[in-house]
Structures are given as C-alpha cells and as structure tokens.
Amino acid sequence: MKNKLLVAIASVALPLALAALFIMHPPRVKGEDAKGTEIRVDNFTFAPGTLAVPVNSTVTWVNKDDIPHVIAASDGVFKSKALDTDQKYSYTFTKAGTYEYYCSIHPKMIGKVVVQELCKVAL
C-alpha cells in the first residue's frame, strides 16, 4: 500500500517539477545568445549556415566582410539593401517554415532559417 502511494505521488510530482523547470528555464534556441539571434556574414559565408528559431523571432544578419552583401530570401519574402562592413539587416519570422536565402551579389553564398512552432506544456 505504501509503495503504491509513493508511485502515485511520484507519477504526479515528477511531471509537474519538469514542467516548472522548463517554464522557469526555457531551453535556448540554437544560435541564440545574449545579443539575440544573429547570423554573421564573413569570408563569403553565413554563420551559422542553418539557424533554428521559434516563430516570431527576429534574426539579424551582420556583414563582417570588407565588401557589400545583399541578403535575399529565395522565395522573395525578404531582401536587404546592400550591406557594407558592420551594417545589419533584421527580419522577423512570423510563420513556421524553412526559409532559404542567399547573397544576391554572390549567389553561391547560401543559408537557411528554420522557423518552428514552440511546444506547449500542458499543466
């Protein structure tokens, strides 16, 4: 009887404790740091090449090259002006999906932003 009670309490308490932990300390999105979600344009590459973010995230591209770059979505959803050294371009992704992009000046430079719905924890 005592063992059944302990198992019942543990089966309720453990999921609640895990849910509280994720609410208080949500996992960080890959590529996200204290400055936000940023993609560096440097040495004719995008870093990271693929970035996963939740819906409604703003991604900022920063040009660290000595030459201009234009960030353009393959499907035309977004496009920056020509970015000189240290200039930035930001776009907020409001819908889930995979967004491929490239530099329209240097089309071999390609990258991808994967926008994901956040999982909802039922309490």
PDB file of N, CA and C in Angstrom:
ATOM      1  N   MET A   1       0.823  -1.184   0.000  1.00  0.00           N
ATOM      2  CA  MET A   1       0.000   0.000   0.000  1.00  0.00           C
ATOM      3  C   MET A   1       0.873   1.257   0.000  1.00  0.00           C
ATOM      4  N   LYS A   2       1.919   1.226   0.855  1.00  0.00           N
ATOM      5  CA  LYS A   2       2.823   2.369   0.940  1.00  0.00           C
ATOM      6  C   LYS A   2       3.545   2.596  -0.381  1.00  0.00           C
ATOM      7  N   ASN A   3       3.969   1.507  -1.025  1.00  0.00           N
ATOM      8  CA  ASN A   3       4.670   1.613  -2.312  1.00  0.00           C
ATOM      9  C   ASN A   3       3.767   2.193  -3.396  1.00  0.00           C
ATOM     10  N   LYS A   4       2.493   1.790  -3.425  1.00  0.00           N
ATOM     11  CA  LYS A   4       1.560   2.317  -4.423  1.00  0.00           C
ATOM     12  C   LYS A   4       1.354   3.819  -4.239  1.00  0.00           C
ATOM     13  N   LEU A   5       1.303   4.258  -2.991  1.00  0.00           N
ATOM     14  CA  LEU A   5       1.130   5.679  -2.704  1.00  0.00           C
ATOM     15  C   LEU A   5       2.354   6.467  -3.160  1.00  0.00           C
ATOM     16  N   LEU A   6       3.544   5.949  -2.906  1.00  0.00           N
ATOM     17  CA  LEU A   6       4.769   6.622  -3.346  1.00  0.00           C
ATOM     18  C   LEU A   6       4.847   6.704  -4.873  1.00  0.00           C
ATOM     19  N   VAL A   7       4.462   5.627  -5.550  1.00  0.00           N
ATOM     20  CA  VAL A   7       4.469   5.625  -7.007  1.00  0.00           C
ATOM     21  C   VAL A   7       3.459   6.644  -7.542  1.00  0.00           C
ATOM     22  N   ALA A   8       2.294   6.715  -6.942  1.00  0.00           N
ATOM     23  CA  ALA A   8       1.268   7.659  -7.380  1.00  0.00           C
ATOM     24  C   ALA A   8       1.737   9.098  -7.180  1.00  0.00           C
ATOM     25  N   ILE A   9       2.344   9.381  -6.046  1.00  0.00           N
ATOM     26  CA  ILE A   9       2.851  10.729  -5.771  1.00  0.00           C
ATOM     27  C   ILE A   9       3.969  11.076  -6.756  1.00  0.00           C
ATOM     28  N   ALA A  10       4.879  10.140  -6.990  1.00  0.00           N
ATOM     29  CA  ALA A  10       5.992  10.388  -7.904  1.00  0.00           C
ATOM     30  C   ALA A  10       5.497  10.595  -9.332  1.00  0.00           C
ATOM     31  N   SER A  11       4.472   9.853  -9.748  1.00  0.00           N
ATOM     32  CA  SER A  11       3.972   9.987 -11.111  1.00  0.00           C
ATOM     33  C   SER A  11       3.284  11.337 -11.346  1.00  0.00           C
ATOM     34  N   VAL A  12       2.859  12.002 -10.290  1.00  0.00           N
ATOM     35  CA  VAL A  12       2.264  13.331 -10.420  1.00  0.00           C
ATOM     36  C   VAL A  12       3.324  14.409 -10.196  1.00  0.00           C
ATOM     37  N   ALA A  13       4.160  14.224  -9.197  1.00  0.00           N
ATOM     38  CA  ALA A  13       5.135  15.253  -8.830  1.00  0.00           C
ATOM     39  C   ALA A  13       6.231  15.432  -9.874  1.00  0.00           C
ATOM     40  N   LEU A  14       6.717  14.357 -10.439  1.00  0.00           N
ATOM     41  CA  LEU A  14       7.814  14.452 -11.400  1.00  0.00           C
ATOM     42  C   LEU A  14       7.429  15.249 -12.651  1.00  0.00           C
ATOM     43  N   PRO A  15       6.302  14.954 -13.298  1.00  0.00           N
ATOM     44  CA  PRO A  15       5.940  15.778 -14.469  1.00  0.00           C
ATOM     45  C   PRO A  15       5.707  17.254 -14.113  1.00  0.00           C
ATOM     46  N   LEU A  16       5.131  17.510 -12.952  1.00  0.00           N
ATOM     47  CA  LEU A  16       4.923  18.898 -12.538  1.00  0.00           C
ATOM     48  C   LEU A  16       6.253  19.610 -12.304  1.00  0.00           C
ATOM     49  N   ALA A  17       7.197  18.915 -11.705  1.00  0.00           N
ATOM     50  CA  ALA A  17       8.513  19.509 -11.460  1.00  0.00           C
ATOM     51  C   ALA A  17       9.219  19.797 -12.779  1.00  0.00           C
ATOM     52  N   LEU A  18       9.147  18.876 -13.730  1.00  0.00           N
ATOM     53  CA  LEU A  18       9.767  19.097 -15.042  1.00  0.00           C
ATOM     54  C   LEU A  18       9.100  20.257 -15.782  1.00  0.00           C
ATOM     55  N   ALA A  19       7.781  20.337 -15.724  1.00  0.00           N
ATOM     56  CA  ALA A  19       7.074  21.446 -16.379  1.00  0.00           C
ATOM     57  C   ALA A  19       7.492  22.773 -15.766  1.00  0.00           C
ATOM     58  N   ALA A  20       7.584  22.829 -14.455  1.00  0.00           N
ATOM     59  CA  ALA A  20       8.003  24.060 -13.778  1.00  0.00           C
ATOM     60  C   ALA A  20       9.430  24.431 -14.163  1.00  0.00           C
ATOM     61  N   LEU A  21      10.294  23.444 -14.283  1.00  0.00           N
ATOM     62  CA  LEU A  21      11.679  23.692 -14.675  1.00  0.00           C
ATOM     63  C   LEU A  21      11.757  24.310 -16.070  1.00  0.00           C
ATOM     64  N   PHE A  22      10.998  23.768 -17.033  1.00  0.00           N
ATOM     65  CA  PHE A  22      11.016  24.303 -18.396  1.00  0.00           C
ATOM     66  C   PHE A  22      10.377  25.683 -18.485  1.00  0.00           C
ATOM     67  N   ILE A  23       9.405  25.955 -17.640  1.00  0.00           N
ATOM     68  CA  ILE A  23       8.778  27.284 -17.639  1.00  0.00           C
ATOM     69  C   ILE A  23       9.743  28.317 -17.070  1.00  0.00           C
ATOM     70  N   MET A  24      10.429  27.958 -16.003  1.00  0.00           N
ATOM     71  CA  MET A  24      11.345  28.898 -15.348  1.00  0.00           C
ATOM     72  C   MET A  24      12.660  29.039 -16.106  1.00  0.00           C
ATOM     73  N   HIS A  25      13.109  27.990 -16.794  1.00  0.00           N
ATOM     74  CA  HIS A  25      14.374  27.997 -17.526  1.00  0.00           C
ATOM     75  C   HIS A  25      14.170  27.372 -18.903  1.00  0.00           C
ATOM     76  N   PRO A  26      13.538  28.106 -19.835  1.00  0.00           N
ATOM     77  CA  PRO A  26      13.298  27.510 -21.153  1.00  0.00           C
ATOM     78  C   PRO A  26      14.611  27.225 -21.873  1.00  0.00           C
ATOM     79  N   PRO A  27      14.637  26.166 -22.671  1.00  0.00           N
ATOM     80  CA  PRO A  27      15.862  25.864 -23.415  1.00  0.00           C
ATOM     81  C   PRO A  27      16.153  26.962 -24.432  1.00  0.00           C
ATOM     82  N   ARG A  28      17.427  27.239 -24.644  1.00  0.00           N
ATOM     83  CA  ARG A  28      17.824  28.262 -25.618  1.00  0.00           C
ATOM     84  C   ARG A  28      17.757  27.691 -27.018  1.00  0.00           C
ATOM     85  N   VAL A  29      17.415  28.537 -27.940  1.00  0.00           N
ATOM     86  CA  VAL A  29      17.358  28.156 -29.341  1.00  0.00           C
ATOM     87  C   VAL A  29      18.782  28.142 -29.893  1.00  0.00           C
ATOM     88  N   LYS A  30      19.080  27.176 -30.733  1.00  0.00           N
ATOM     89  CA  LYS A  30      20.403  27.107 -31.347  1.00  0.00           C
ATOM     90  C   LYS A  30      20.693  28.423 -32.072  1.00  0.00           C
ATOM     91  N   GLY A  31      21.861  28.993 -31.798  1.00  0.00           N
ATOM     92  CA  GLY A  31      22.246  30.238 -32.446  1.00  0.00           C
ATOM     93  C   GLY A  31      21.853  31.472 -31.671  1.00  0.00           C
ATOM     94  N   GLU A  32      21.121  31.308 -30.570  1.00  0.00           N
ATOM     95  CA  GLU A  32      20.669  32.458 -29.805  1.00  0.00           C
ATOM     96  C   GLU A  32      21.647  32.725 -28.673  1.00  0.00           C
ATOM     97  N   ASP A  33      22.021  33.971 -28.503  1.00  0.00           N
ATOM     98  CA  ASP A  33      22.889  34.340 -27.400  1.00  0.00           C
ATOM     99  C   ASP A  33      22.318  35.570 -26.722  1.00  0.00           C
ATOM    100  N   ALA A  34      23.075  36.179 -25.824  1.00  0.00           N
ATOM    101  CA  ALA A  34      22.577  37.318 -25.068  1.00  0.00           C
ATOM    102  C   ALA A  34      22.234  38.502 -25.971  1.00  0.00           C
ATOM    103  N   LYS A  35      22.855  38.591 -27.137  1.00  0.00           N
ATOM    104  CA  LYS A  35      22.595  39.700 -28.054  1.00  0.00           C
ATOM    105  C   LYS A  35      21.397  39.416 -28.955  1.00  0.00           C
ATOM    106  N   GLY A  36      20.844  38.251 -28.913  1.00  0.00           N
ATOM    107  CA  GLY A  36      19.742  37.895 -29.794  1.00  0.00           C
ATOM    108  C   GLY A  36      20.180  36.873 -30.820  1.00  0.00           C
ATOM    109  N   THR A  37      19.375  36.684 -31.839  1.00  0.00           N
ATOM    110  CA  THR A  37      19.673  35.697 -32.860  1.00  0.00           C
ATOM    111  C   THR A  37      20.352  36.403 -34.022  1.00  0.00           C
ATOM    112  N   GLU A  38      21.606  36.047 -34.250  1.00  0.00           N
ATOM    113  CA  GLU A  38      22.436  36.768 -35.205  1.00  0.00           C
ATOM    114  C   GLU A  38      23.125  35.803 -36.165  1.00  0.00           C
ATOM    115  N   ILE A  39      23.203  36.216 -37.419  1.00  0.00           N
ATOM    116  CA  ILE A  39      23.948  35.473 -38.434  1.00  0.00           C
ATOM    117  C   ILE A  39      25.059  36.385 -38.929  1.00  0.00           C
ATOM    118  N   ARG A  40      26.288  35.892 -38.857  1.00  0.00           N
ATOM    119  CA  ARG A  40      27.446  36.666 -39.334  1.00  0.00           C
ATOM    120  C   ARG A  40      27.694  36.377 -40.806  1.00  0.00           C
ATOM    121  N   VAL A  41      27.929  37.444 -41.539  1.00  0.00           N
ATOM    122  CA  VAL A  41      28.319  37.332 -42.940  1.00  0.00           C
ATOM    123  C   VAL A  41      29.813  37.643 -42.959  1.00  0.00           C
ATOM    124  N   ASP A  42      30.620  36.615 -43.205  1.00  0.00           N
ATOM    125  CA  ASP A  42      32.065  36.796 -43.109  1.00  0.00           C
ATOM    126  C   ASP A  42      32.770  35.805 -44.036  1.00  0.00           C
ATOM    127  N   ASN A  43      33.763  36.294 -44.759  1.00  0.00           N
ATOM    128  CA  ASN A  43      34.558  35.453 -45.647  1.00  0.00           C
ATOM    129  C   ASN A  43      33.678  34.688 -46.648  1.00  0.00           C
ATOM    130  N   PHE A  44      32.687  35.381 -47.191  1.00  0.00           N
ATOM    131  CA  PHE A  44      31.763  34.834 -48.183  1.00  0.00           C
ATOM    132  C   PHE A  44      30.966  33.635 -47.667  1.00  0.00           C
ATOM    133  N   THR A  45      30.654  33.631 -46.360  1.00  0.00           N
ATOM    134  CA  THR A  45      29.819  32.575 -45.777  1.00  0.00           C
ATOM    135  C   THR A  45      28.841  33.186 -44.781  1.00  0.00           C
ATOM    136  N   PHE A  46      27.781  32.432 -44.501  1.00  0.00           N
ATOM    137  CA  PHE A  46      26.836  32.771 -43.441  1.00  0.00           C
ATOM    138  C   PHE A  46      27.114  31.832 -42.269  1.00  0.00           C
ATOM    139  N   ALA A  47      27.216  32.392 -41.061  1.00  0.00           N
ATOM    140  CA  ALA A  47      27.474  31.550 -39.887  1.00  0.00           C
ATOM    141  C   ALA A  47      26.494  31.902 -38.777  1.00  0.00           C
ATOM    142  N   PRO A  48      25.696  30.934 -38.343  1.00  0.00           N
ATOM    143  CA  PRO A  48      25.642  29.548 -38.818  1.00  0.00           C
ATOM    144  C   PRO A  48      24.961  29.467 -40.183  1.00  0.00           C
ATOM    145  N   GLY A  49      25.267  28.410 -40.904  1.00  0.00           N
ATOM    146  CA  GLY A  49      24.663  28.205 -42.222  1.00  0.00           C
ATOM    147  C   GLY A  49      23.191  27.875 -42.134  1.00  0.00           C
ATOM    148  N   THR A  50      22.803  27.154 -41.090  1.00  0.00           N
ATOM    149  CA  THR A  50      21.400  26.847 -40.811  1.00  0.00           C
ATOM    150  C   THR A  50      21.120  27.264 -39.378  1.00  0.00           C
ATOM    151  N   LEU A  51      20.051  28.015 -39.201  1.00  0.00           N
ATOM    152  CA  LEU A  51      19.677  28.526 -37.883  1.00  0.00           C
ATOM    153  C   LEU A  51      18.246  28.131 -37.589  1.00  0.00           C
ATOM    154  N   ALA A  52      17.988  27.534 -36.420  1.00  0.00           N
ATOM    155  CA  ALA A  52      16.632  27.179 -35.994  1.00  0.00           C
ATOM    156  C   ALA A  52      16.163  28.185 -34.953  1.00  0.00           C
ATOM    157  N   VAL A  53      14.961  28.736 -35.164  1.00  0.00           N
ATOM    158  CA  VAL A  53      14.398  29.735 -34.257  1.00  0.00           C
ATOM    159  C   VAL A  53      12.904  29.469 -34.078  1.00  0.00           C
ATOM    160  N   PRO A  54      12.323  29.955 -32.973  1.00  0.00           N
ATOM    161  CA  PRO A  54      10.872  29.846 -32.831  1.00  0.00           C
ATOM    162  C   PRO A  54      10.154  30.929 -33.645  1.00  0.00           C
ATOM    163  N   VAL A  55       8.871  30.711 -33.915  1.00  0.00           N
ATOM    164  CA  VAL A  55       8.041  31.690 -34.599  1.00  0.00           C
ATOM    165  C   VAL A  55       8.106  33.015 -33.845  1.00  0.00           C
ATOM    166  N   ASN A  56       8.067  34.120 -34.569  1.00  0.00           N
ATOM    167  CA  ASN A  56       8.132  35.493 -34.064  1.00  0.00           C
ATOM    168  C   ASN A  56       9.532  35.903 -33.608  1.00  0.00           C
ATOM    169  N   SER A  57      10.547  35.167 -34.039  1.00  0.00           N
ATOM    170  CA  SER A  57      11.924  35.554 -33.742  1.00  0.00           C
ATOM    171  C   SER A  57      12.415  36.550 -34.782  1.00  0.00           C
ATOM    172  N   THR A  58      13.234  37.476 -34.316  1.00  0.00           N
ATOM    173  CA  THR A  58      13.897  38.406 -35.223  1.00  0.00           C
ATOM    174  C   THR A  58      15.329  37.945 -35.409  1.00  0.00           C
ATOM    175  N   VAL A  59      15.711  37.751 -36.651  1.00  0.00           N
ATOM    176  CA  VAL A  59      17.069  37.332 -36.997  1.00  0.00           C
ATOM    177  C   VAL A  59      17.779  38.547 -37.576  1.00  0.00           C
ATOM    178  N   THR A  60      19.018  38.763 -37.151  1.00  0.00           N
ATOM    179  CA  THR A  60      19.811  39.885 -37.646  1.00  0.00           C
ATOM    180  C   THR A  60      21.061  39.358 -38.329  1.00  0.00           C
ATOM    181  N   TRP A  61      21.269  39.794 -39.553  1.00  0.00           N
ATOM    182  CA  TRP A  61      22.484  39.482 -40.298  1.00  0.00           C
ATOM    183  C   TRP A  61      23.438  40.656 -40.123  1.00  0.00           C
ATOM    184  N   VAL A  62      24.708  40.362 -39.842  1.00  0.00           N
ATOM    185  CA  VAL A  62      25.724  41.402 -39.678  1.00  0.00           C
ATOM    186  C   VAL A  62      26.842  41.131 -40.672  1.00  0.00           C
ATOM    187  N   ASN A  63      27.122  42.123 -41.525  1.00  0.00           N
ATOM    188  CA  ASN A  63      28.174  41.957 -42.527  1.00  0.00           C
ATOM    189  C   ASN A  63      29.530  42.267 -41.909  1.00  0.00           C
ATOM    190  N   LYS A  64      30.378  41.276 -41.801  1.00  0.00           N
ATOM    191  CA  LYS A  64      31.741  41.444 -41.282  1.00  0.00           C
ATOM    192  C   LYS A  64      32.778  41.377 -42.400  1.00  0.00           C
ATOM    193  N   ASP A  65      32.298  41.244 -43.638  1.00  0.00           N
ATOM    194  CA  ASP A  65      33.202  41.245 -44.792  1.00  0.00           C
ATOM    195  C   ASP A  65      33.571  42.679 -45.166  1.00  0.00           C
ATOM    196  N   ASP A  66      34.615  42.815 -45.952  1.00  0.00           N
ATOM    197  CA  ASP A  66      35.043  44.132 -46.426  1.00  0.00           C
ATOM    198  C   ASP A  66      34.313  44.552 -47.694  1.00  0.00           C
ATOM    199  N   ILE A  67      33.422  43.708 -48.186  1.00  0.00           N
ATOM    200  CA  ILE A  67      32.677  44.027 -49.402  1.00  0.00           C
ATOM    201  C   ILE A  67      31.175  43.927 -49.112  1.00  0.00           C
ATOM    202  N   PRO A  68      30.348  44.577 -49.912  1.00  0.00           N
ATOM    203  CA  PRO A  68      28.902  44.553 -49.662  1.00  0.00           C
ATOM    204  C   PRO A  68      28.269  43.190 -49.946  1.00  0.00           C
ATOM    205  N   HIS A  69      27.169  42.945 -49.251  1.00  0.00           N
ATOM    206  CA  HIS A  69      26.345  41.753 -49.470  1.00  0.00           C
ATOM    207  C   HIS A  69      24.882  42.165 -49.404  1.00  0.00           C
ATOM    208  N   VAL A  70      24.031  41.445 -50.138  1.00  0.00           N
ATOM    209  CA  VAL A  70      22.586  41.651 -50.098  1.00  0.00           C
ATOM    210  C   VAL A  70      21.951  40.332 -49.674  1.00  0.00           C
ATOM    211  N   ILE A  71      21.204  40.346 -48.565  1.00  0.00           N
ATOM    212  CA  ILE A  71      20.550  39.146 -48.049  1.00  0.00           C
ATOM    213  C   ILE A  71      19.174  39.060 -48.709  1.00  0.00           C
ATOM    214  N   ALA A  72      18.895  37.966 -49.405  1.00  0.00           N
ATOM    215  CA  ALA A  72      17.627  37.834 -50.120  1.00  0.00           C
ATOM    216  C   ALA A  72      17.049  36.437 -49.932  1.00  0.00           C
ATOM    217  N   ALA A  73      15.761  36.366 -49.594  1.00  0.00           N
ATOM    218  CA  ALA A  73      15.075  35.076 -49.478  1.00  0.00           C
ATOM    219  C   ALA A  73      14.891  34.495 -50.874  1.00  0.00           C
ATOM    220  N   SER A  74      15.068  33.204 -51.000  1.00  0.00           N
ATOM    221  CA  SER A  74      14.908  32.530 -52.294  1.00  0.00           C
ATOM    222  C   SER A  74      13.492  32.685 -52.835  1.00  0.00           C
ATOM    223  N   ASP A  75      12.494  32.782 -51.930  1.00  0.00           N
ATOM    224  CA  ASP A  75      11.098  32.924 -52.356  1.00  0.00           C
ATOM    225  C   ASP A  75      10.641  34.385 -52.396  1.00  0.00           C
ATOM    226  N   GLY A  76      11.572  35.333 -52.152  1.00  0.00           N
ATOM    227  CA  GLY A  76      11.247  36.745 -52.239  1.00  0.00           C
ATOM    228  C   GLY A  76      10.577  37.352 -51.020  1.00  0.00           C
ATOM    229  N   VAL A  77      10.484  36.605 -49.924  1.00  0.00           N
ATOM    230  CA  VAL A  77       9.809  37.099 -48.722  1.00  0.00           C
ATOM    231  C   VAL A  77      10.541  38.292 -48.098  1.00  0.00           C
ATOM    232  N   PHE A  78      11.859  38.306 -48.157  1.00  0.00           N
ATOM    233  CA  PHE A  78      12.620  39.435 -47.619  1.00  0.00           C
ATOM    234  C   PHE A  78      13.849  39.693 -48.479  1.00  0.00           C
ATOM    235  N   LYS A  79      14.324  40.946 -48.420  1.00  0.00           N
ATOM    236  CA  LYS A  79      15.547  41.314 -49.136  1.00  0.00           C
ATOM    237  C   LYS A  79      16.100  42.585 -48.499  1.00  0.00           C
ATOM    238  N   SER A  80      17.394  42.566 -48.212  1.00  0.00           N
ATOM    239  CA  SER A  80      18.046  43.737 -47.617  1.00  0.00           C
ATOM    240  C   SER A  80      18.546  44.668 -48.710  1.00  0.00           C
ATOM    241  N   LYS A  81      18.932  45.842 -48.305  1.00  0.00           N
ATOM    242  CA  LYS A  81      19.695  46.712 -49.194  1.00  0.00           C
ATOM    243  C   LYS A  81      21.132  46.186 -49.167  1.00  0.00           C
ATOM    244  N   ALA A  82      22.017  46.749 -49.954  1.00  0.00           N
ATOM    245  CA  ALA A  82      23.428  46.345 -49.921  1.00  0.00           C
ATOM    246  C   ALA A  82      24.010  46.722 -48.562  1.00  0.00           C
ATOM    247  N   LEU A  83      24.551  45.733 -47.856  1.00  0.00           N
ATOM    248  CA  LEU A  83      25.118  45.954 -46.516  1.00  0.00           C
ATOM    249  C   LEU A  83      26.625  46.119 -46.620  1.00  0.00           C
ATOM    250  N   ASP A  84      27.125  47.271 -46.200  1.00  0.00           N
ATOM    251  CA  ASP A  84      28.567  47.482 -46.119  1.00  0.00           C
ATOM    252  C   ASP A  84      29.087  46.876 -44.814  1.00  0.00           C
ATOM    253  N   THR A  85      30.388  46.929 -44.604  1.00  0.00           N
ATOM    254  CA  THR A  85      31.012  46.358 -43.405  1.00  0.00           C
ATOM    255  C   THR A  85      30.344  46.886 -42.136  1.00  0.00           C
ATOM    256  N   ASP A  86      29.993  45.964 -41.250  1.00  0.00           N
ATOM    257  CA  ASP A  86      29.360  46.212 -39.952  1.00  0.00           C
ATOM    258  C   ASP A  86      27.915  46.696 -40.032  1.00  0.00           C
ATOM    259  N   GLN A  87      27.336  46.761 -41.197  1.00  0.00           N
ATOM    260  CA  GLN A  87      25.918  47.095 -41.282  1.00  0.00           C
ATOM    261  C   GLN A  87      25.083  45.847 -41.022  1.00  0.00           C
ATOM    262  N   LYS A  88      23.830  46.078 -40.557  1.00  0.00           N
ATOM    263  CA  LYS A  88      22.948  44.987 -40.156  1.00  0.00           C
ATOM    264  C   LYS A  88      21.633  45.043 -40.922  1.00  0.00           C
ATOM    265  N   TYR A  89      21.028  43.874 -41.028  1.00  0.00           N
ATOM    266  CA  TYR A  89      19.679  43.749 -41.576  1.00  0.00           C
ATOM    267  C   TYR A  89      18.921  42.766 -40.697  1.00  0.00           C
ATOM    268  N   SER A  90      17.687  43.122 -40.313  1.00  0.00           N
ATOM    269  CA  SER A  90      16.881  42.245 -39.465  1.00  0.00           C
ATOM    270  C   SER A  90      15.551  41.925 -40.126  1.00  0.00           C
ATOM    271  N   TYR A  91      15.073  40.722 -39.842  1.00  0.00           N
ATOM    272  CA  TYR A  91      13.763  40.285 -40.343  1.00  0.00           C
ATOM    273  C   TYR A  91      13.111  39.443 -39.260  1.00  0.00           C
ATOM    274  N   THR A  92      11.809  39.675 -39.028  1.00  0.00           N
ATOM    275  CA  THR A  92      11.051  38.906 -38.042  1.00  0.00           C
ATOM    276  C   THR A  92      10.238  37.840 -38.760  1.00  0.00           C
ATOM    277  N   PHE A  93      10.446  36.581 -38.351  1.00  0.00           N
ATOM    278  CA  PHE A  93       9.777  35.431 -38.957  1.00  0.00           C
ATOM    279  C   PHE A  93       8.489  35.140 -38.189  1.00  0.00           C
ATOM    280  N   THR A  94       7.344  35.379 -38.822  1.00  0.00           N
ATOM    281  CA  THR A  94       6.050  35.239 -38.145  1.00  0.00           C
ATOM    282  C   THR A  94       5.342  33.926 -38.459  1.00  0.00           C
ATOM    283  N   LYS A  95       5.878  33.148 -39.391  1.00  0.00           N
ATOM    284  CA  LYS A  95       5.260  31.870 -39.763  1.00  0.00           C
ATOM    285  C   LYS A  95       6.302  30.761 -39.734  1.00  0.00           C
ATOM    286  N   ALA A  96       5.866  29.580 -39.283  1.00  0.00           N
ATOM    287  CA  ALA A  96       6.757  28.415 -39.276  1.00  0.00           C
ATOM    288  C   ALA A  96       7.092  28.013 -40.709  1.00  0.00           C
ATOM    289  N   GLY A  97       8.280  27.485 -40.887  1.00  0.00           N
ATOM    290  CA  GLY A  97       8.693  27.015 -42.204  1.00  0.00           C
ATOM    291  C   GLY A  97      10.200  27.091 -42.356  1.00  0.00           C
ATOM    292  N   THR A  98      10.670  26.685 -43.509  1.00  0.00           N
ATOM    293  CA  THR A  98      12.090  26.738 -43.831  1.00  0.00           C
ATOM    294  C   THR A  98      12.299  27.850 -44.854  1.00  0.00           C
ATOM    295  N   TYR A  99      13.164  28.792 -44.516  1.00  0.00           N
ATOM    296  CA  TYR A  99      13.422  29.950 -45.354  1.00  0.00           C
ATOM    297  C   TYR A  99      14.865  29.878 -45.862  1.00  0.00           C
ATOM    298  N   GLU A 100      15.012  29.590 -47.139  1.00  0.00           N
ATOM    299  CA  GLU A 100      16.337  29.573 -47.741  1.00  0.00           C
ATOM    300  C   GLU A 100      16.653  30.978 -48.226  1.00  0.00           C
ATOM    301  N   TYR A 101      17.901  31.378 -48.081  1.00  0.00           N
ATOM    302  CA  TYR A 101      18.305  32.713 -48.512  1.00  0.00           C
ATOM    303  C   TYR A 101      19.700  32.650 -49.123  1.00  0.00           C
ATOM    304  N   TYR A 102      20.096  33.743 -49.764  1.00  0.00           N
ATOM    305  CA  TYR A 102      21.397  33.806 -50.430  1.00  0.00           C
ATOM    306  C   TYR A 102      21.814  35.265 -50.515  1.00  0.00           C
ATOM    307  N   CYS A 103      23.038  35.506 -50.940  1.00  0.00           N
ATOM    308  CA  CYS A 103      23.507  36.853 -51.233  1.00  0.00           C
ATOM    309  C   CYS A 103      23.247  37.079 -52.723  1.00  0.00           C
ATOM    310  N   SER A 104      22.449  38.086 -53.046  1.00  0.00           N
ATOM    311  CA  SER A 104      22.115  38.285 -54.462  1.00  0.00           C
ATOM    312  C   SER A 104      23.300  38.815 -55.276  1.00  0.00           C
ATOM    313  N   ILE A 105      24.332  39.323 -54.607  1.00  0.00           N
ATOM    314  CA  ILE A 105      25.546  39.748 -55.305  1.00  0.00           C
ATOM    315  C   ILE A 105      26.463  38.544 -55.551  1.00  0.00           C
ATOM    316  N   HIS A 106      26.474  37.629 -54.577  1.00  0.00           N
ATOM    317  CA  HIS A 106      27.326  36.422 -54.634  1.00  0.00           C
ATOM    318  C   HIS A 106      26.432  35.199 -54.445  1.00  0.00           C
ATOM    319  N   PRO A 107      25.717  34.750 -55.475  1.00  0.00           N
ATOM    320  CA  PRO A 107      24.679  33.725 -55.337  1.00  0.00           C
ATOM    321  C   PRO A 107      25.136  32.365 -54.809  1.00  0.00           C
ATOM    322  N   LYS A 108      26.444  32.118 -54.766  1.00  0.00           N
ATOM    323  CA  LYS A 108      26.909  30.847 -54.199  1.00  0.00           C
ATOM    324  C   LYS A 108      26.881  30.876 -52.669  1.00  0.00           C
ATOM    325  N   MET A 109      26.699  32.060 -52.100  1.00  0.00           N
ATOM    326  CA  MET A 109      26.551  32.184 -50.643  1.00  0.00           C
ATOM    327  C   MET A 109      25.094  31.865 -50.300  1.00  0.00           C
ATOM    328  N   ILE A 110      24.868  30.753 -49.575  1.00  0.00           N
ATOM    329  CA  ILE A 110      23.507  30.344 -49.250  1.00  0.00           C
ATOM    330  C   ILE A 110      23.399  30.028 -47.759  1.00  0.00           C
ATOM    331  N   GLY A 111      22.189  30.148 -47.249  1.00  0.00           N
ATOM    332  CA  GLY A 111      21.908  29.813 -45.853  1.00  0.00           C
ATOM    333  C   GLY A 111      20.446  29.447 -45.700  1.00  0.00           C
ATOM    334  N   LYS A 112      20.082  29.081 -44.463  1.00  0.00           N
ATOM    335  CA  LYS A 112      18.721  28.631 -44.201  1.00  0.00           C
ATOM    336  C   LYS A 112      18.322  28.995 -42.779  1.00  0.00           C
ATOM    337  N   VAL A 113      17.087  29.498 -42.624  1.00  0.00           N
ATOM    338  CA  VAL A 113      16.493  29.721 -41.305  1.00  0.00           C
ATOM    339  C   VAL A 113      15.297  28.785 -41.195  1.00  0.00           C
ATOM    340  N   VAL A 114      15.298  27.945 -40.156  1.00  0.00           N
ATOM    341  CA  VAL A 114      14.188  27.021 -39.905  1.00  0.00           C
ATOM    342  C   VAL A 114      13.392  27.598 -38.740  1.00  0.00           C
ATOM    343  N   VAL A 115      12.141  27.959 -39.019  1.00  0.00           N
ATOM    344  CA  VAL A 115      11.270  28.580 -38.032  1.00  0.00           C
ATOM    345  C   VAL A 115      10.302  27.531 -37.531  1.00  0.00           C
ATOM    346  N   GLN A 116      10.283  27.327 -36.207  1.00  0.00           N
ATOM    347  CA  GLN A 116       9.497  26.240 -35.608  1.00  0.00           C
ATOM    348  C   GLN A 116       8.492  26.776 -34.613  1.00  0.00           C
ATOM    349  N   GLU A 117       7.343  26.103 -34.551  1.00  0.00           N
ATOM    350  CA  GLU A 117       6.337  26.395 -33.521  1.00  0.00           C
ATOM    351  C   GLU A 117       6.898  25.914 -32.187  1.00  0.00           C
ATOM    352  N   LEU A 118       6.660  26.673 -31.142  1.00  0.00           N
ATOM    353  CA  LEU A 118       7.083  26.243 -29.809  1.00  0.00           C
ATOM    354  C   LEU A 118       6.126  25.186 -29.289  1.00  0.00           C
ATOM    355  N   CYS A 119       6.658  24.197 -28.583  1.00  0.00           N
ATOM    356  CA  CYS A 119       5.832  23.181 -27.952  1.00  0.00           C
ATOM    357  C   CYS A 119       5.145  23.794 -26.743  1.00  0.00           C
ATOM    358  N   LYS A 120       3.903  23.472 -26.545  1.00  0.00           N
ATOM    359  CA  LYS A 120       3.159  23.987 -25.392  1.00  0.00           C
ATOM    360  C   LYS A 120       3.110  22.904 -24.328  1.00  0.00           C
ATOM    361  N   VAL A 121       3.417  23.294 -23.094  1.00  0.00           N
ATOM    362  CA  VAL A 121       3.417  22.356 -21.980  1.00  0.00           C
ATOM    363  C   VAL A 121       2.063  22.431 -21.301  1.00  0.00           C
ATOM    364  N   ALA A 122       1.363  21.293 -21.207  1.00  0.00           N
ATOM    365  CA  ALA A 122       0.080  21.256 -20.525  1.00  0.00           C
ATOM    366  C   ALA A 122       0.296  21.046 -19.046  1.00  0.00           C
ATOM    367  N   LEU A 123      -0.328  21.879 -18.265  1.00  0.00           N
ATOM    368  CA  LEU A 123      -0.208  21.743 -16.799  1.00  0.00           C
ATOM    369  C   LEU A 123      -1.478  21.184 -16.224  1.00  0.00           C
TER     370      LEU A 123
END
